[in-house]
N, C-alpha and C. Protein backbone atom coordinates (compact mmCIF):
# COMPACT_ATOMS: atom_id res chain seq x y z
N MET A 1 1.15 -1.33 -0.13
CA MET A 1 0.34 0.04 -0.02
C MET A 1 0.69 1.22 -0.14
N GLU A 2 0.37 2.06 -0.85
CA GLU A 2 1.17 3.00 -0.74
C GLU A 2 0.69 4.42 -0.70
N GLN A 3 2.28 5.63 0.08
CA GLN A 3 2.13 6.04 1.60
C GLN A 3 1.49 7.40 1.20
N ILE A 4 1.03 8.13 1.82
CA ILE A 4 -0.06 9.28 1.31
C ILE A 4 1.20 10.86 2.68
N LYS A 5 1.76 10.88 1.14
CA LYS A 5 2.73 11.91 1.41
C LYS A 5 1.64 13.39 1.54
N ILE A 6 2.17 14.04 3.78
CA ILE A 6 1.25 15.55 3.02
C ILE A 6 2.13 16.34 4.14
N ASN A 7 2.10 17.10 3.11
CA ASN A 7 2.63 18.77 2.88
C ASN A 7 2.33 19.83 4.33
N GLU A 8 2.22 19.53 5.11
CA GLU A 8 2.12 20.37 6.90
C GLU A 8 1.69 22.01 6.35
N GLU A 9 2.35 22.30 5.38
CA GLU A 9 2.95 24.07 4.92
C GLU A 9 1.47 23.90 4.22
N THR A 10 0.56 22.95 3.05
CA THR A 10 0.20 23.58 2.71
C THR A 10 -1.45 23.11 3.78
N VAL A 11 -1.48 22.19 4.22
CA VAL A 11 -2.09 21.85 5.66
C VAL A 11 -2.31 23.40 6.29
N GLU A 12 -1.99 23.87 7.22
CA GLU A 12 -2.12 25.03 7.94
C GLU A 12 -2.36 26.88 6.96
N ARG A 13 -1.80 26.63 5.89
CA ARG A 13 -2.08 27.02 5.36
C ARG A 13 -3.98 27.01 4.94
N LEU A 14 -4.38 26.29 3.64
CA LEU A 14 -5.43 25.84 4.30
C LEU A 14 -6.16 26.28 5.28
N LYS A 15 -6.25 25.82 6.43
CA LYS A 15 -6.65 25.44 7.88
C LYS A 15 -7.09 27.27 7.89
N ARG A 16 -5.50 28.32 7.92
CA ARG A 16 -6.58 29.55 7.44
C ARG A 16 -7.13 30.08 7.24
N LEU A 17 -6.71 29.28 5.46
CA LEU A 17 -7.72 30.22 4.70
C LEU A 17 -8.95 30.23 4.75
N ILE A 18 -10.07 28.55 5.58
CA ILE A 18 -10.45 28.29 5.62
C ILE A 18 -11.20 28.65 7.29
N ILE A 19 -10.25 29.10 8.38
CA ILE A 19 -10.99 29.59 9.16
C ILE A 19 -11.40 30.80 8.94
N ILE A 20 -10.51 32.38 8.67
CA ILE A 20 -10.79 33.50 7.72
C ILE A 20 -11.26 33.68 7.27
N GLN A 21 -12.29 32.18 5.82
CA GLN A 21 -13.45 33.16 5.15
C GLN A 21 -14.90 32.24 6.50
N GLU A 22 -14.80 31.49 7.19
CA GLU A 22 -16.17 30.98 7.77
C GLU A 22 -16.29 33.02 8.81
N ASN A 23 -15.18 32.60 9.60
CA ASN A 23 -15.29 34.45 10.48
C ASN A 23 -16.03 35.20 9.65
N GLN A 24 -15.58 35.44 8.23
CA GLN A 24 -16.52 36.40 8.03
C GLN A 24 -17.72 36.20 7.22
N ASN A 25 -17.62 34.74 7.26
CA ASN A 25 -18.50 35.11 6.45
C ASN A 25 -20.07 34.31 7.60
N LEU A 26 -19.31 34.21 8.55
CA LEU A 26 -20.34 34.98 10.59
C LEU A 26 -21.05 35.99 11.00
N LYS A 27 -20.38 36.67 9.70
CA LYS A 27 -19.94 38.32 10.29
C LYS A 27 -21.13 38.33 8.76
N THR A 28 -21.17 38.42 7.51
CA THR A 28 -21.60 38.77 6.63
C THR A 28 -22.24 37.57 6.01
N LYS A 29 -22.64 36.52 6.41
CA LYS A 29 -23.51 35.52 5.58
C LYS A 29 -23.23 36.10 4.20
N THR A 30 -22.55 35.61 3.67
CA THR A 30 -22.67 35.81 2.23
C THR A 30 -23.33 34.79 1.39
N MET A 31 -22.65 33.44 2.95
CA MET A 31 -22.74 32.00 2.21
C MET A 31 -23.78 31.56 3.10
N SER A 32 -24.53 30.06 1.73
CA SER A 32 -25.39 29.93 2.84
C SER A 32 -24.35 28.72 3.18
N ASP A 33 -24.07 27.66 4.81
CA ASP A 33 -23.53 26.89 4.93
C ASP A 33 -23.05 25.62 3.74
N SER A 34 -23.92 25.34 2.80
CA SER A 34 -23.56 24.15 1.74
C SER A 34 -22.64 25.13 0.57
N GLN A 35 -23.14 26.24 1.01
CA GLN A 35 -21.81 26.45 -0.07
C GLN A 35 -20.85 27.14 0.58
N MET A 36 -20.77 27.62 1.63
CA MET A 36 -19.51 27.15 2.24
C MET A 36 -18.56 25.04 2.46
N VAL A 37 -20.29 25.12 2.19
CA VAL A 37 -18.60 23.52 2.54
C VAL A 37 -18.71 23.57 0.61
N ASP A 38 -19.37 23.49 0.11
CA ASP A 38 -18.76 23.80 -1.74
C ASP A 38 -17.59 24.10 -1.05
N TRP A 39 -17.01 25.73 -1.15
CA TRP A 39 -16.43 26.09 -1.68
C TRP A 39 -15.29 25.67 -0.54
N ILE A 40 -15.12 25.47 0.12
CA ILE A 40 -14.51 24.81 1.50
C ILE A 40 -13.45 23.20 0.45
N LYS A 41 -14.24 22.67 -0.30
CA LYS A 41 -14.54 21.43 -1.05
C LYS A 41 -13.08 21.46 -2.57
N LYS A 42 -13.96 23.03 -3.37
CA LYS A 42 -13.33 23.87 -3.48
C LYS A 42 -11.99 24.26 -3.16
N LYS A 43 -11.38 24.66 -2.37
CA LYS A 43 -9.78 24.62 -2.13
C LYS A 43 -9.52 23.45 -2.02
N ILE A 44 -9.07 23.11 -1.78
CA ILE A 44 -9.25 21.06 -1.41
C ILE A 44 -8.42 21.28 -3.11
N GLU A 45 -9.71 20.97 -3.60
CA GLU A 45 -9.41 20.52 -4.79
C GLU A 45 -7.96 20.95 -5.50
N GLU A 46 -8.59 22.50 -4.79
CA GLU A 46 -6.79 23.55 -6.12
C GLU A 46 -6.01 23.52 -6.02
N GLU A 47 -6.36 22.49 -4.77
CA GLU A 47 -4.79 22.95 -3.84
C GLU A 47 -3.95 20.97 -3.91
N VAL A 48 -4.49 20.00 -4.62
CA VAL A 48 -4.57 18.48 -4.65
C VAL A 48 -4.44 18.50 -5.75
N LYS A 49 -4.41 19.81 -6.61
CA LYS A 49 -3.90 19.41 -8.10
C LYS A 49 -2.76 20.46 -8.07
N CYS A 50 -2.64 20.74 -7.54
CA CYS A 50 -1.65 22.28 -7.99
C CYS A 50 -0.12 21.04 -7.04
N TYR A 51 -0.25 20.25 -6.09
CA TYR A 51 0.53 19.35 -5.59
C TYR A 51 0.36 18.49 -6.45
N LEU A 52 -0.56 17.42 -7.24
CA LEU A 52 -0.05 16.53 -8.49
C LEU A 52 0.25 17.27 -10.15
N ASN A 53 0.81 18.18 -9.81
CA ASN A 53 1.06 18.63 -10.81
C ASN A 53 2.58 18.93 -10.89
N ARG A 54 2.59 18.97 -10.17
CA ARG A 54 4.85 19.31 -9.29
C ARG A 54 5.09 18.10 -10.70
């Protein structure tokens, strides 16, 4: 079985980005919960694509 390599810097950057966006959304209510989930999924997918294209 192949091990999955995790880039800790990328994970921390994603966590910060998600927390900031979530805090802003709590104040402004611009996105619904399902929209926030979609946004988070999109950001994670973007990071994975970038990582795989290296």
